[in-house]
Amino acid sequence: MMPQERNGDEAMVILQTLLCVMREKNLLSRADIEDLCSRVAMRAAQAERDPIPCCAQAANAAAHEMAKIGDYIGKHYGGKHRRI
C-alpha cells in the first residue's frame, strides 16, 4: 500500500500532463487555463458552501497547485491572457 501523503500523486501527474498536452495542441488557450485557475481558487475560497462537497484543506492545496500549473503553462506556451 502507498503512504497516505502520496495518495493522488499519480492522478496529479496525469492531469498536469493532460493540461500541458491540451495547451500544446491548442485545445486550451492561456485564457482557458487562467479561467480554470480562477474557478479552482473560487471553489477553495467557498469550500464550506460548495454544492459539491470537498475538504477545505484539499481545495486550498488544489488552488495552489493549479496556480503553479497555470504559471508554468503561461510561461512555457505563452498566449493571450483572458479578458477581465
C-alpha atoms as a PDB file:
ATOM      1  CA  MET A   1       0.000   0.000   0.000  1.00  0.00           C
ATOM      2  CA  MET A   2       1.115   3.551  -0.678  1.00  0.00           C
ATOM      3  CA  PRO A   3       1.682   6.087   2.120  1.00  0.00           C
ATOM      4  CA  GLN A   4      -1.256   8.400   2.835  1.00  0.00           C
ATOM      5  CA  GLU A   5       0.567  11.553   1.665  1.00  0.00           C
ATOM      6  CA  ARG A   6       1.196  10.005  -1.754  1.00  0.00           C
ATOM      7  CA  ASN A   7      -2.458   9.304  -2.487  1.00  0.00           C
ATOM      8  CA  GLY A   8      -3.357  11.238  -5.600  1.00  0.00           C
ATOM      9  CA  ASP A   9       0.213  11.857  -6.829  1.00  0.00           C
ATOM     10  CA  GLU A  10      -0.370   9.645  -9.843  1.00  0.00           C
ATOM     11  CA  ALA A  11      -3.582  11.460 -10.718  1.00  0.00           C
ATOM     12  CA  MET A  12      -1.843  14.821 -10.335  1.00  0.00           C
ATOM     13  CA  VAL A  13       0.909  13.831 -12.776  1.00  0.00           C
ATOM     14  CA  ILE A  14      -1.672  12.629 -15.291  1.00  0.00           C
ATOM     15  CA  LEU A  15      -3.762  15.809 -15.008  1.00  0.00           C
ATOM     16  CA  GLN A  16      -0.729  18.116 -15.229  1.00  0.00           C
ATOM     17  CA  THR A  17       0.427  16.296 -18.339  1.00  0.00           C
ATOM     18  CA  LEU A  18      -3.063  16.376 -19.839  1.00  0.00           C
ATOM     19  CA  LEU A  19      -3.327  20.149 -19.347  1.00  0.00           C
ATOM     20  CA  CYS A  20       0.079  20.661 -20.972  1.00  0.00           C
ATOM     21  CA  VAL A  21      -0.764  18.419 -23.937  1.00  0.00           C
ATOM     22  CA  MET A  22      -4.122  20.126 -24.438  1.00  0.00           C
ATOM     23  CA  ARG A  23      -2.445  23.554 -24.345  1.00  0.00           C
ATOM     24  CA  GLU A  24       0.301  22.392 -26.697  1.00  0.00           C
ATOM     25  CA  LYS A  25      -2.302  21.222 -29.219  1.00  0.00           C
ATOM     26  CA  ASN A  26      -4.227  24.495 -28.796  1.00  0.00           C
ATOM     27  CA  LEU A  27      -7.252  22.690 -27.394  1.00  0.00           C
ATOM     28  CA  LEU A  28      -6.957  25.019 -24.400  1.00  0.00           C
ATOM     29  CA  SER A  29      -5.906  28.649 -24.586  1.00  0.00           C
ATOM     30  CA  ARG A  30      -3.960  30.564 -21.982  1.00  0.00           C
ATOM     31  CA  ALA A  31      -7.246  32.288 -21.139  1.00  0.00           C
ATOM     32  CA  ASP A  32      -8.868  28.876 -20.549  1.00  0.00           C
ATOM     33  CA  ILE A  33      -6.095  27.928 -18.123  1.00  0.00           C
ATOM     34  CA  GLU A  34      -6.419  31.274 -16.319  1.00  0.00           C
ATOM     35  CA  ASP A  35     -10.198  30.763 -16.085  1.00  0.00           C
ATOM     36  CA  LEU A  36      -9.643  27.292 -14.636  1.00  0.00           C
ATOM     37  CA  CYS A  37      -7.210  28.731 -12.062  1.00  0.00           C
ATOM     38  CA  SER A  38      -9.789  31.325 -11.096  1.00  0.00           C
ATOM     39  CA  ARG A  39     -12.566  28.759 -10.715  1.00  0.00           C
ATOM     40  CA  VAL A  40     -10.433  26.464  -8.571  1.00  0.00           C
ATOM     41  CA  ALA A  41      -9.432  29.407  -6.353  1.00  0.00           C
ATOM     42  CA  MET A  42     -13.067  30.492  -6.045  1.00  0.00           C
ATOM     43  CA  ARG A  43     -14.093  26.981  -5.079  1.00  0.00           C
ATOM     44  CA  ALA A  44     -11.321  26.848  -2.473  1.00  0.00           C
ATOM     45  CA  ALA A  45     -12.434  30.182  -1.014  1.00  0.00           C
ATOM     46  CA  GLN A  46     -16.004  28.911  -0.678  1.00  0.00           C
ATOM     47  CA  ALA A  47     -15.282  25.267   0.189  1.00  0.00           C
ATOM     48  CA  GLU A  48     -17.730  25.178   3.099  1.00  0.00           C
ATOM     49  CA  ARG A  49     -20.602  26.385   0.864  1.00  0.00           C
ATOM     50  CA  ASP A  50     -19.636  24.376  -2.220  1.00  0.00           C
ATOM     51  CA  PRO A  51     -22.559  22.332  -3.622  1.00  0.00           C
ATOM     52  CA  ILE A  52     -20.066  19.569  -4.443  1.00  0.00           C
ATOM     53  CA  PRO A  53     -18.618  18.549  -1.059  1.00  0.00           C
ATOM     54  CA  CYS A  54     -14.856  18.828  -0.687  1.00  0.00           C
ATOM     55  CA  CYS A  55     -12.319  19.221   2.078  1.00  0.00           C
ATOM     56  CA  ALA A  56     -11.335  22.890   2.543  1.00  0.00           C
ATOM     57  CA  GLN A  57      -7.674  21.949   3.001  1.00  0.00           C
ATOM     58  CA  ALA A  58      -7.681  19.881  -0.199  1.00  0.00           C
ATOM     59  CA  ALA A  59      -9.429  22.683  -2.089  1.00  0.00           C
ATOM     60  CA  ASN A  60      -6.780  25.190  -0.959  1.00  0.00           C
ATOM     61  CA  ALA A  61      -3.993  22.796  -1.957  1.00  0.00           C
ATOM     62  CA  ALA A  62      -5.671  22.331  -5.352  1.00  0.00           C
ATOM     63  CA  ALA A  63      -5.893  26.109  -5.854  1.00  0.00           C
ATOM     64  CA  HIS A  64      -2.194  26.484  -5.022  1.00  0.00           C
ATOM     65  CA  GLU A  65      -1.222  23.648  -7.371  1.00  0.00           C
ATOM     66  CA  MET A  66      -3.424  25.000 -10.173  1.00  0.00           C
ATOM     67  CA  ALA A  67      -1.790  28.416  -9.828  1.00  0.00           C
ATOM     68  CA  LYS A  68       1.651  26.788 -10.214  1.00  0.00           C
ATOM     69  CA  ILE A  69       0.475  24.825 -13.257  1.00  0.00           C
ATOM     70  CA  GLY A  70      -1.068  27.958 -14.771  1.00  0.00           C
ATOM     71  CA  ASP A  71       2.143  29.927 -14.278  1.00  0.00           C
ATOM     72  CA  TYR A  72       4.222  27.165 -15.856  1.00  0.00           C
ATOM     73  CA  ILE A  73       1.919  26.741 -18.859  1.00  0.00           C
ATOM     74  CA  GLY A  74       1.690  30.501 -19.354  1.00  0.00           C
ATOM     75  CA  LYS A  75       5.466  30.908 -19.372  1.00  0.00           C
ATOM     76  CA  HIS A  76       6.154  27.816 -21.466  1.00  0.00           C
ATOM     77  CA  TYR A  77       3.429  28.115 -24.122  1.00  0.00           C
ATOM     78  CA  GLY A  78       2.531  31.817 -23.969  1.00  0.00           C
ATOM     79  CA  GLY A  79      -0.692  33.071 -25.486  1.00  0.00           C
ATOM     80  CA  LYS A  80      -3.156  35.822 -24.790  1.00  0.00           C
ATOM     81  CA  HIS A  81      -4.401  36.468 -21.275  1.00  0.00           C
ATOM     82  CA  ARG A  82      -8.091  36.282 -20.544  1.00  0.00           C
ATOM     83  CA  ARG A  83     -10.227  39.374 -20.594  1.00  0.00           C
ATOM     84  CA  ILE A  84     -11.500  40.500 -17.236  1.00  0.00           C
END
